Amino acid sequence: MAEPAPVEDILTPRVSWRDAAEVYLRKRVLVVLFLGFASGLPLALSGSTLLIWMTETGVNLKTIGLFALVGTPYTLKFFWAPLVDALHIPFLTRALGRRRGWLIFSQLLLIVAIVLLAFSHPANPFGVALAALFVATASATQDIVIDAFRVESLPESEQAAGMASYVAAYRIGMLLSTAGALFLVSGLEATGLIRAQAWMWGYIVMAALVVIGMITSLIATEPEQSQQADEAEAGKTVLARVTQTAVGAFSEFLARKDAWAILAFVVLFKFTDAFSGTMTAPFVIDLGFTRNDYAAIVKGLGLGATLLGGFAGGFLASRYSLIASLWIGGLLQAVANLSFSWLALVGINHYALALAITAENFTSAVGTVIFVAYLSALCKSPLHTATQYALLTALAAIGRTYLSSGAGYVASATGWAWFFVICMVVAIPSFILLVWLQRRGHFTDLTKNR
């Protein structure tokens, strides 16, 4: 069994603060930043923004509710991730490389899909649903490629900074396709366009903004790992490449030392966050705050804290080792739950709510960025980066989707103050696994292989 690194080695800064800040200005990280914008832009166009358009057009609520199913491709994208890893796009792959070729292809599909949605009319919900599903599928495919590109193009020391930049730009892209799109449609109506035409041109402008991602893809450099994988796969049939990718993604991972402990850690690291996050909105309203309080503080101030936390996580991961960063992020996101316990005791106090929300969102973002850097480090083989990363993120969502489903029962049984104490306590299994993996030399092996 490998001995864990001495504490003084773990906590010794790898780089200066100046170097940790400078990483955000490197070309590779800036490319990931603009790709984050490209990834965040389409999400609302087949989601919340589309639902507002349908509501204004008079579509009934039952039909609107069914449009939640349009988001299915984002959940199931790991099923076609092996195709992204294995298949070549005619002409584009030869001219740009495997990852950049797929980026341009998915972005071209996205433009076509958004334009089709622009020319659809909510009076025909079935046609709108097909177009929206096309947008979601093209968007999810772009996400698969961007994740693989980011993992392969950034060294371990830049992964967290890249993810922090990605998340910040992703939020900006989402903001532009929600509030930005709505303001644009209102402005077009003010010029005299009828509502249907205003929405059509609003979506066409959103489609045009995808070009920002295409320009970024053209400026970017094809990851060296991807080029090596292409050379290794030369001469194999399409079926052989797809089969090898799908099977290899599982077998290569499960063959690693302590694979099941790693997978359990992936599920549990963000569980403390997910368990409390499920009940944050009901807690705030049940405590006596208004919907406006929730919108302004939880969504407004919380967004700012999330962006700052993302960059702080990037700083930590750039300055300290992966294991030290995981300890810091894990402890911060667990202890932050106590701010809600304190709020439950204080009661209706807007300053207390602002402080609790800031602490929770900031620490959650720190933990998320560091955790994504860890997931990226786990994806070692360029033959199936996209597939493994898609599977790991799906696995990480188990805590949020399934394990947190009983949070309401716990809150009802214990009351709010003790509930958030329990949310902190549920982080302990992840810390036990972190100690176990550290003692087994897991993080040393990851560092050696990056």
Protein backbone atom coordinates (compact mmCIF):
# COMPACT_ATOMS: atom_id res chain seq x y z
CA MET A 1 0.00 0.00 0.00
CA ALA A 2 1.36 3.40 -0.91
CA GLU A 3 2.01 5.75 2.00
CA PRO A 4 0.03 9.00 2.01
CA ALA A 5 1.96 12.15 1.30
CA PRO A 6 3.08 14.11 4.38
CA VAL A 7 0.70 16.91 5.35
CA GLU A 8 3.35 19.56 4.76
CA ASP A 9 3.83 18.29 1.19
CA ILE A 10 0.10 18.26 0.49
CA LEU A 11 -0.42 21.81 1.72
CA THR A 12 2.72 23.24 0.15
CA PRO A 13 1.66 25.61 -2.65
CA ARG A 14 2.65 24.35 -6.09
CA VAL A 15 2.70 27.82 -7.62
CA SER A 16 2.55 31.43 -6.48
CA TRP A 17 -0.69 33.42 -6.34
CA ARG A 18 0.48 35.39 -9.37
CA ASP A 19 0.98 32.20 -11.39
CA ALA A 20 -2.39 30.89 -10.19
CA ALA A 21 -4.06 34.04 -11.53
CA GLU A 22 -2.04 34.07 -14.76
CA VAL A 23 -3.42 30.67 -15.76
CA TYR A 24 -6.75 32.31 -16.70
CA LEU A 25 -5.05 34.28 -19.48
CA ARG A 26 -3.50 31.29 -21.24
CA LYS A 27 -4.83 30.56 -24.72
CA ARG A 28 -6.05 27.06 -23.83
CA VAL A 29 -8.09 28.35 -20.90
CA LEU A 30 -9.49 31.27 -22.92
CA VAL A 31 -10.59 28.83 -25.62
CA VAL A 32 -12.44 26.80 -22.98
CA LEU A 33 -14.04 30.02 -21.69
CA PHE A 34 -15.57 30.83 -25.10
CA LEU A 35 -16.63 27.21 -25.54
CA GLY A 36 -18.43 27.54 -22.20
CA PHE A 37 -20.44 30.41 -23.68
CA ALA A 38 -21.24 28.24 -26.71
CA SER A 39 -22.40 25.45 -24.42
CA GLY A 40 -24.63 27.63 -22.22
CA LEU A 41 -26.32 29.51 -25.07
CA PRO A 42 -28.69 26.80 -26.46
CA LEU A 43 -30.01 25.36 -23.18
CA ALA A 44 -32.84 27.84 -22.56
CA LEU A 45 -33.79 28.02 -26.24
CA SER A 46 -35.38 24.58 -25.96
CA GLY A 47 -36.36 25.17 -22.33
CA SER A 48 -37.51 28.20 -20.34
CA THR A 49 -37.37 30.75 -23.17
CA LEU A 50 -39.36 28.45 -25.45
CA LEU A 51 -41.95 27.88 -22.73
CA ILE A 52 -42.48 31.65 -22.38
CA TRP A 53 -43.04 31.89 -26.15
CA MET A 54 -45.59 29.07 -25.99
CA THR A 55 -47.35 30.59 -22.99
CA GLU A 56 -47.69 33.95 -24.75
CA THR A 57 -49.13 32.19 -27.78
CA GLY A 58 -51.85 30.55 -25.68
CA VAL A 59 -50.69 26.92 -25.65
CA ASN A 60 -52.42 25.04 -22.81
CA LEU A 61 -50.50 24.31 -19.61
CA LYS A 62 -50.75 20.52 -19.96
CA THR A 63 -48.93 20.64 -23.30
CA ILE A 64 -46.35 23.09 -21.95
CA GLY A 65 -45.65 20.77 -19.02
CA LEU A 66 -44.89 17.90 -21.38
CA PHE A 67 -42.10 19.97 -22.95
CA ALA A 68 -39.92 19.11 -19.94
CA LEU A 69 -39.28 15.86 -21.84
CA VAL A 70 -37.42 17.84 -24.51
CA GLY A 71 -34.45 17.92 -22.10
CA THR A 72 -34.04 14.14 -22.26
CA PRO A 73 -30.95 14.25 -24.56
CA TYR A 74 -28.97 16.06 -21.84
CA THR A 75 -29.62 13.13 -19.48
CA LEU A 76 -28.98 10.33 -21.96
CA LYS A 77 -26.06 11.82 -23.90
CA PHE A 78 -23.65 9.14 -22.68
CA PHE A 79 -25.44 6.66 -24.95
CA TRP A 80 -24.05 8.29 -28.10
CA ALA A 81 -20.81 9.57 -26.58
CA PRO A 82 -18.97 6.49 -28.01
CA LEU A 83 -19.92 7.69 -31.50
CA VAL A 84 -18.30 11.06 -30.79
CA ASP A 85 -15.16 9.29 -29.57
CA ALA A 86 -14.95 6.81 -32.44
CA LEU A 87 -16.45 8.26 -35.62
CA HIS A 88 -14.86 10.72 -38.03
CA ILE A 89 -16.83 13.50 -39.73
CA PRO A 90 -16.10 13.47 -43.48
CA PHE A 91 -13.81 16.33 -44.54
CA LEU A 92 -14.03 18.10 -41.15
CA THR A 93 -12.02 15.49 -39.26
CA ARG A 94 -9.35 15.42 -41.96
CA ALA A 95 -9.14 19.23 -42.07
CA LEU A 96 -9.46 20.06 -38.36
CA GLY A 97 -8.89 16.90 -36.34
CA ARG A 98 -11.30 14.63 -34.51
CA ARG A 99 -12.39 16.95 -31.68
CA ARG A 100 -12.50 20.21 -33.64
CA GLY A 101 -14.25 18.48 -36.54
CA TRP A 102 -16.98 17.28 -34.20
CA LEU A 103 -17.21 20.73 -32.62
CA ILE A 104 -17.85 22.43 -35.96
CA PHE A 105 -20.28 19.67 -37.01
CA SER A 106 -22.34 19.92 -33.79
CA GLN A 107 -22.38 23.72 -34.04
CA LEU A 108 -23.59 23.61 -37.65
CA LEU A 109 -26.35 21.23 -36.54
CA LEU A 110 -27.18 23.63 -33.72
CA ILE A 111 -27.58 26.59 -36.07
CA VAL A 112 -29.86 24.58 -38.35
CA ALA A 113 -31.90 23.33 -35.39
CA ILE A 114 -32.38 26.79 -33.84
CA VAL A 115 -33.40 28.26 -37.22
CA LEU A 116 -35.92 25.43 -37.66
CA LEU A 117 -37.29 26.22 -34.22
CA ALA A 118 -37.46 29.92 -35.17
CA PHE A 119 -39.68 29.08 -38.16
CA SER A 120 -41.87 26.72 -36.11
CA HIS A 121 -45.05 28.06 -34.56
CA PRO A 122 -46.40 27.13 -31.12
CA ALA A 123 -49.82 26.64 -32.70
CA ASN A 124 -48.31 23.36 -33.94
CA PRO A 125 -46.88 21.92 -30.67
CA PHE A 126 -45.75 18.66 -32.32
CA GLY A 127 -43.61 20.49 -34.88
CA VAL A 128 -42.18 22.75 -32.17
CA ALA A 129 -41.41 19.69 -30.02
CA LEU A 130 -39.47 18.01 -32.86
CA ALA A 131 -37.48 21.18 -33.54
CA ALA A 132 -36.80 21.70 -29.82
CA LEU A 133 -35.69 18.07 -29.49
CA PHE A 134 -33.31 18.64 -32.41
CA VAL A 135 -31.89 21.71 -30.62
CA ALA A 136 -31.44 19.76 -27.37
CA THR A 137 -29.77 16.82 -29.14
CA ALA A 138 -27.36 19.06 -31.06
CA SER A 139 -26.62 21.00 -27.87
CA ALA A 140 -25.99 17.83 -25.84
CA THR A 141 -23.67 16.57 -28.60
CA GLN A 142 -21.75 19.84 -28.49
CA ASP A 143 -21.45 19.40 -24.69
CA ILE A 144 -19.99 15.92 -25.15
CA VAL A 145 -17.34 17.22 -27.53
CA ILE A 146 -16.51 20.30 -25.44
CA ASP A 147 -16.03 18.18 -22.31
CA ALA A 148 -13.69 15.83 -24.16
CA PHE A 149 -11.82 18.74 -25.77
CA ARG A 150 -11.36 20.45 -22.39
CA VAL A 151 -10.12 17.29 -20.66
CA GLU A 152 -7.64 16.49 -23.44
CA SER A 153 -6.37 19.99 -24.18
CA LEU A 154 -5.76 21.23 -20.62
CA PRO A 155 -2.99 19.82 -18.41
CA GLU A 156 -3.96 18.82 -14.86
CA SER A 157 -2.70 22.15 -13.47
CA GLU A 158 -5.15 24.07 -15.71
CA GLN A 159 -8.24 21.86 -15.43
CA ALA A 160 -9.86 23.69 -12.51
CA ALA A 161 -9.12 27.13 -13.97
CA GLY A 162 -10.55 25.96 -17.29
CA MET A 163 -13.69 24.71 -15.58
CA ALA A 164 -14.10 27.94 -13.61
CA SER A 165 -13.87 29.94 -16.84
CA TYR A 166 -16.23 27.49 -18.56
CA VAL A 167 -18.88 27.80 -15.81
CA ALA A 168 -18.73 31.61 -15.77
CA ALA A 169 -19.12 31.85 -19.55
CA TYR A 170 -21.80 29.13 -19.51
CA ARG A 171 -23.87 31.27 -17.12
CA ILE A 172 -23.41 34.29 -19.39
CA GLY A 173 -24.57 32.24 -22.38
CA MET A 174 -27.65 31.12 -20.45
CA LEU A 175 -28.35 34.70 -19.37
CA LEU A 176 -28.16 35.87 -22.97
CA SER A 177 -30.59 33.19 -24.20
CA THR A 178 -33.07 33.91 -21.39
CA ALA A 179 -33.16 37.57 -20.30
CA GLY A 180 -31.26 38.70 -23.41
CA ALA A 181 -33.60 36.89 -25.79
CA LEU A 182 -36.69 38.24 -23.99
CA PHE A 183 -35.43 41.83 -24.09
CA LEU A 184 -34.61 41.38 -27.78
CA VAL A 185 -38.10 40.10 -28.61
CA SER A 186 -39.65 43.00 -26.68
CA GLY A 187 -37.45 45.45 -28.56
CA LEU A 188 -38.39 43.95 -31.92
CA GLU A 189 -42.08 44.20 -31.02
CA ALA A 190 -41.54 47.86 -30.14
CA THR A 191 -40.32 48.49 -33.71
CA GLY A 192 -43.68 47.35 -35.06
CA LEU A 193 -43.12 43.64 -35.74
CA ILE A 194 -45.96 41.34 -34.82
CA ARG A 195 -45.26 38.94 -31.94
CA ALA A 196 -44.71 35.87 -34.13
CA GLN A 197 -42.11 37.67 -36.27
CA ALA A 198 -40.39 39.15 -33.21
CA TRP A 199 -39.94 35.66 -31.72
CA MET A 200 -38.77 34.29 -35.07
CA TRP A 201 -36.07 36.95 -35.46
CA GLY A 202 -35.13 36.65 -31.80
CA TYR A 203 -34.33 32.97 -32.32
CA ILE A 204 -32.49 33.68 -35.58
CA VAL A 205 -30.23 36.13 -33.71
CA MET A 206 -29.58 33.40 -31.10
CA ALA A 207 -28.66 31.02 -33.93
CA ALA A 208 -26.22 33.61 -35.29
CA LEU A 209 -24.49 33.79 -31.89
CA VAL A 210 -23.47 30.12 -32.25
CA VAL A 211 -20.88 31.48 -34.70
CA ILE A 212 -18.88 32.64 -31.65
CA GLY A 213 -18.38 28.99 -30.73
CA MET A 214 -17.46 28.11 -34.33
CA ILE A 215 -14.81 30.83 -34.49
CA THR A 216 -13.41 29.56 -31.19
CA SER A 217 -13.29 26.00 -32.55
CA LEU A 218 -11.38 27.17 -35.63
CA ILE A 219 -8.89 29.19 -33.57
CA ALA A 220 -8.33 26.34 -31.10
CA THR A 221 -5.59 23.75 -31.47
CA GLU A 222 -6.49 20.07 -31.78
CA PRO A 223 -5.46 18.27 -28.56
CA GLU A 224 -2.28 16.23 -28.97
CA GLN A 225 -3.92 13.26 -27.23
CA SER A 226 -6.68 13.23 -29.83
CA GLN A 227 -4.16 13.24 -32.67
CA GLN A 228 -2.34 10.29 -31.12
CA ALA A 229 -5.61 8.40 -30.71
CA ASP A 230 -6.46 8.96 -34.37
CA GLU A 231 -3.11 7.49 -35.40
CA ALA A 232 -3.66 4.49 -33.14
CA GLU A 233 -7.12 3.85 -34.61
CA ALA A 234 -6.04 4.20 -38.25
CA GLY A 235 -7.13 1.28 -40.42
CA LYS A 236 -9.91 0.02 -38.15
CA THR A 237 -13.49 -0.24 -39.36
CA VAL A 238 -16.19 2.07 -38.05
CA LEU A 239 -17.91 -0.80 -36.18
CA ALA A 240 -14.62 -1.86 -34.60
CA ARG A 241 -13.85 1.69 -33.42
CA VAL A 242 -17.32 2.21 -31.92
CA THR A 243 -17.33 -1.20 -30.22
CA GLN A 244 -13.84 -0.72 -28.83
CA THR A 245 -14.76 2.72 -27.51
CA ALA A 246 -17.98 1.62 -25.82
CA VAL A 247 -16.51 -1.53 -24.27
CA GLY A 248 -13.11 -0.01 -23.56
CA ALA A 249 -14.55 2.95 -21.66
CA PHE A 250 -16.01 0.55 -19.08
CA SER A 251 -13.34 -2.14 -19.01
CA GLU A 252 -10.40 0.29 -18.82
CA PHE A 253 -11.94 2.10 -15.86
CA LEU A 254 -13.06 -0.99 -13.96
CA ALA A 255 -9.60 -2.54 -14.37
CA ARG A 256 -8.05 0.23 -12.28
CA LYS A 257 -7.00 -0.30 -8.69
CA ASP A 258 -9.82 0.53 -6.25
CA ALA A 259 -12.23 1.26 -9.13
CA TRP A 260 -15.35 0.72 -7.03
CA ALA A 261 -14.10 3.00 -4.26
CA ILE A 262 -13.40 5.67 -6.90
CA LEU A 263 -16.92 5.33 -8.31
CA ALA A 264 -18.43 5.54 -4.81
CA PHE A 265 -16.42 8.70 -4.15
CA VAL A 266 -17.69 10.19 -7.43
CA VAL A 267 -21.28 9.58 -6.26
CA LEU A 268 -20.78 10.88 -2.72
CA PHE A 269 -18.44 13.88 -2.95
CA LYS A 270 -21.22 16.36 -3.90
CA PHE A 271 -23.94 14.56 -1.93
CA THR A 272 -23.79 17.04 0.97
CA ASP A 273 -24.52 19.79 -1.54
CA ALA A 274 -27.25 17.91 -3.33
CA PHE A 275 -29.05 16.88 -0.13
CA SER A 276 -29.33 20.46 1.14
CA GLY A 277 -29.88 21.97 -2.32
CA THR A 278 -33.04 19.91 -2.81
CA MET A 279 -34.71 21.71 0.10
CA THR A 280 -33.22 25.22 -0.16
CA ALA A 281 -36.20 26.79 -1.95
CA PRO A 282 -38.87 25.18 0.30
CA PHE A 283 -36.81 26.20 3.36
CA VAL A 284 -36.58 29.86 2.32
CA ILE A 285 -40.32 30.11 1.57
CA ASP A 286 -41.37 28.06 4.62
CA LEU A 287 -39.29 30.31 6.87
CA GLY A 288 -41.44 33.25 5.74
CA PHE A 289 -39.48 34.95 2.97
CA THR A 290 -41.38 36.06 -0.14
CA ARG A 291 -40.99 34.95 -3.75
CA ASN A 292 -39.32 38.28 -4.48
CA ASP A 293 -36.83 37.68 -1.66
CA TYR A 294 -36.07 34.30 -3.18
CA ALA A 295 -35.64 35.72 -6.68
CA ALA A 296 -33.47 38.66 -5.65
CA ILE A 297 -31.25 37.01 -3.05
CA VAL A 298 -31.18 33.30 -3.87
CA LYS A 299 -31.05 33.70 -7.66
CA GLY A 300 -29.47 37.17 -7.94
CA LEU A 301 -26.87 37.28 -5.17
CA GLY A 302 -26.44 33.52 -5.41
CA LEU A 303 -25.35 33.79 -9.05
CA GLY A 304 -22.62 36.28 -8.17
CA ALA A 305 -21.39 34.07 -5.32
CA THR A 306 -21.36 31.07 -7.65
CA LEU A 307 -19.20 32.86 -10.23
CA LEU A 308 -16.75 34.06 -7.56
CA GLY A 309 -16.64 30.59 -6.02
CA GLY A 310 -15.86 29.05 -9.38
CA PHE A 311 -12.82 31.26 -9.89
CA ALA A 312 -11.75 30.72 -6.27
CA GLY A 313 -11.89 26.96 -6.86
CA GLY A 314 -9.72 27.42 -9.93
CA PHE A 315 -7.20 29.39 -7.86
CA LEU A 316 -7.06 26.68 -5.19
CA ALA A 317 -6.62 23.84 -7.67
CA SER A 318 -3.91 25.73 -9.54
CA ARG A 319 -2.02 26.58 -6.34
CA TYR A 320 -2.38 23.33 -4.37
CA SER A 321 -2.30 19.61 -5.14
CA LEU A 322 -5.45 17.77 -6.23
CA ILE A 323 -5.82 15.95 -2.91
CA ALA A 324 -5.39 19.17 -0.89
CA SER A 325 -7.91 20.95 -3.10
CA LEU A 326 -10.45 18.13 -2.66
CA TRP A 327 -10.08 18.31 1.11
CA ILE A 328 -10.51 22.09 1.13
CA GLY A 329 -13.49 22.03 -1.26
CA GLY A 330 -15.14 19.09 0.51
CA LEU A 331 -14.84 20.61 3.97
CA LEU A 332 -16.02 24.06 2.84
CA GLN A 333 -19.16 22.78 1.10
CA ALA A 334 -20.04 20.58 4.09
CA VAL A 335 -19.54 23.21 6.79
CA ALA A 336 -21.45 25.84 4.75
CA ASN A 337 -24.66 23.95 5.55
CA LEU A 338 -24.43 25.29 9.10
CA SER A 339 -25.15 28.78 7.74
CA PHE A 340 -28.68 27.56 6.96
CA SER A 341 -29.03 26.06 10.44
CA TRP A 342 -28.10 29.47 11.80
CA LEU A 343 -30.64 31.14 9.48
CA ALA A 344 -33.33 28.74 10.74
CA LEU A 345 -32.64 29.95 14.28
CA VAL A 346 -32.45 33.65 13.32
CA GLY A 347 -35.69 33.61 11.32
CA ILE A 348 -36.74 36.27 8.79
CA ASN A 349 -33.67 38.44 8.38
CA HIS A 350 -32.63 39.50 4.89
CA TYR A 351 -29.01 40.06 5.84
CA ALA A 352 -28.81 36.59 7.35
CA LEU A 353 -30.40 35.09 4.24
CA ALA A 354 -27.91 36.93 2.02
CA LEU A 355 -24.98 35.69 4.13
CA ALA A 356 -26.23 32.08 4.15
CA ILE A 357 -26.91 32.05 0.41
CA THR A 358 -23.54 33.63 -0.35
CA ALA A 359 -21.72 31.06 1.80
CA GLU A 360 -23.59 28.11 0.31
CA ASN A 361 -23.27 29.15 -3.34
CA PHE A 362 -19.64 30.22 -3.00
CA THR A 363 -18.48 26.99 -1.32
CA SER A 364 -20.61 24.82 -3.60
CA ALA A 365 -18.94 26.37 -6.65
CA VAL A 366 -15.48 25.89 -5.12
CA GLY A 367 -16.25 22.21 -4.56
CA THR A 368 -17.76 21.76 -8.01
CA VAL A 369 -14.79 23.20 -9.91
CA ILE A 370 -12.29 21.10 -7.92
CA PHE A 371 -14.47 18.00 -8.33
CA VAL A 372 -14.67 18.49 -12.10
CA ALA A 373 -10.88 18.80 -12.17
CA TYR A 374 -10.77 15.41 -10.43
CA LEU A 375 -13.24 13.84 -12.90
CA SER A 376 -11.13 15.20 -15.76
CA ALA A 377 -8.01 13.61 -14.28
CA LEU A 378 -9.81 10.24 -14.18
CA CYS A 379 -10.32 10.28 -17.96
CA LYS A 380 -6.89 9.01 -18.98
CA SER A 381 -7.39 7.46 -22.40
CA PRO A 382 -7.98 9.71 -25.45
CA LEU A 383 -9.67 6.75 -27.16
CA HIS A 384 -12.78 7.25 -25.03
CA THR A 385 -12.49 10.55 -23.13
CA ALA A 386 -15.97 11.69 -24.15
CA THR A 387 -17.58 8.40 -23.16
CA GLN A 388 -15.88 8.13 -19.76
CA TYR A 389 -16.53 11.75 -18.85
CA ALA A 390 -20.21 11.50 -19.84
CA LEU A 391 -20.56 8.35 -17.73
CA LEU A 392 -18.80 9.88 -14.71
CA THR A 393 -20.99 12.99 -14.78
CA ALA A 394 -24.09 10.80 -15.06
CA LEU A 395 -22.85 8.81 -12.05
CA ALA A 396 -22.18 12.01 -10.11
CA ALA A 397 -25.80 13.03 -10.70
CA ILE A 398 -27.06 9.99 -8.74
CA GLY A 399 -26.69 11.89 -5.46
CA ARG A 400 -28.68 14.84 -6.80
CA THR A 401 -31.35 12.80 -8.56
CA TYR A 402 -31.92 9.72 -6.39
CA LEU A 403 -30.11 9.82 -3.03
CA SER A 404 -31.54 13.26 -2.26
CA SER A 405 -35.13 12.19 -2.88
CA GLY A 406 -35.70 11.53 0.82
CA ALA A 407 -34.51 14.95 1.97
CA GLY A 408 -38.08 16.18 2.51
CA TYR A 409 -38.85 13.31 4.89
CA VAL A 410 -35.71 14.07 6.91
CA ALA A 411 -36.54 17.79 7.08
CA SER A 412 -40.10 17.02 8.23
CA ALA A 413 -38.86 14.69 10.94
CA THR A 414 -36.05 16.86 12.33
CA GLY A 415 -36.94 20.50 11.64
CA TRP A 416 -34.88 22.91 9.56
CA ALA A 417 -32.02 23.62 11.98
CA TRP A 418 -31.16 19.95 12.52
CA PHE A 419 -31.82 19.06 8.90
CA PHE A 420 -28.92 21.20 7.72
CA VAL A 421 -26.69 19.76 10.43
CA ILE A 422 -27.51 16.34 8.97
CA CYS A 423 -26.66 17.71 5.52
CA MET A 424 -23.16 18.39 6.85
CA VAL A 425 -22.90 14.96 8.46
CA VAL A 426 -23.74 13.11 5.22
CA ALA A 427 -20.39 14.35 3.86
CA ILE A 428 -18.53 12.02 6.23
CA PRO A 429 -18.65 8.91 3.95
CA SER A 430 -16.96 10.89 1.18
CA PHE A 431 -14.21 11.97 3.61
CA ILE A 432 -13.69 8.33 4.66
CA LEU A 433 -13.29 7.37 1.00
CA LEU A 434 -10.98 10.33 0.45
CA VAL A 435 -8.70 9.11 3.27
CA TRP A 436 -8.84 5.55 1.90
CA LEU A 437 -7.97 6.57 -1.65
CA GLN A 438 -5.22 8.87 -0.41
CA ARG A 439 -3.63 6.06 1.61
CA ARG A 440 -3.88 3.76 -1.40
CA GLY A 441 -1.84 6.20 -3.50
CA HIS A 442 -4.72 6.97 -5.84
CA PHE A 443 -4.00 10.69 -6.17
CA THR A 444 -0.28 10.12 -6.59
CA ASP A 445 -1.04 7.76 -9.48
CA LEU A 446 -3.34 10.35 -11.09
CA THR A 447 -0.65 13.01 -10.91
CA LYS A 448 1.92 10.68 -12.46
CA ASN A 449 -0.36 9.87 -15.36
CA ARG A 450 -1.26 13.44 -16.33
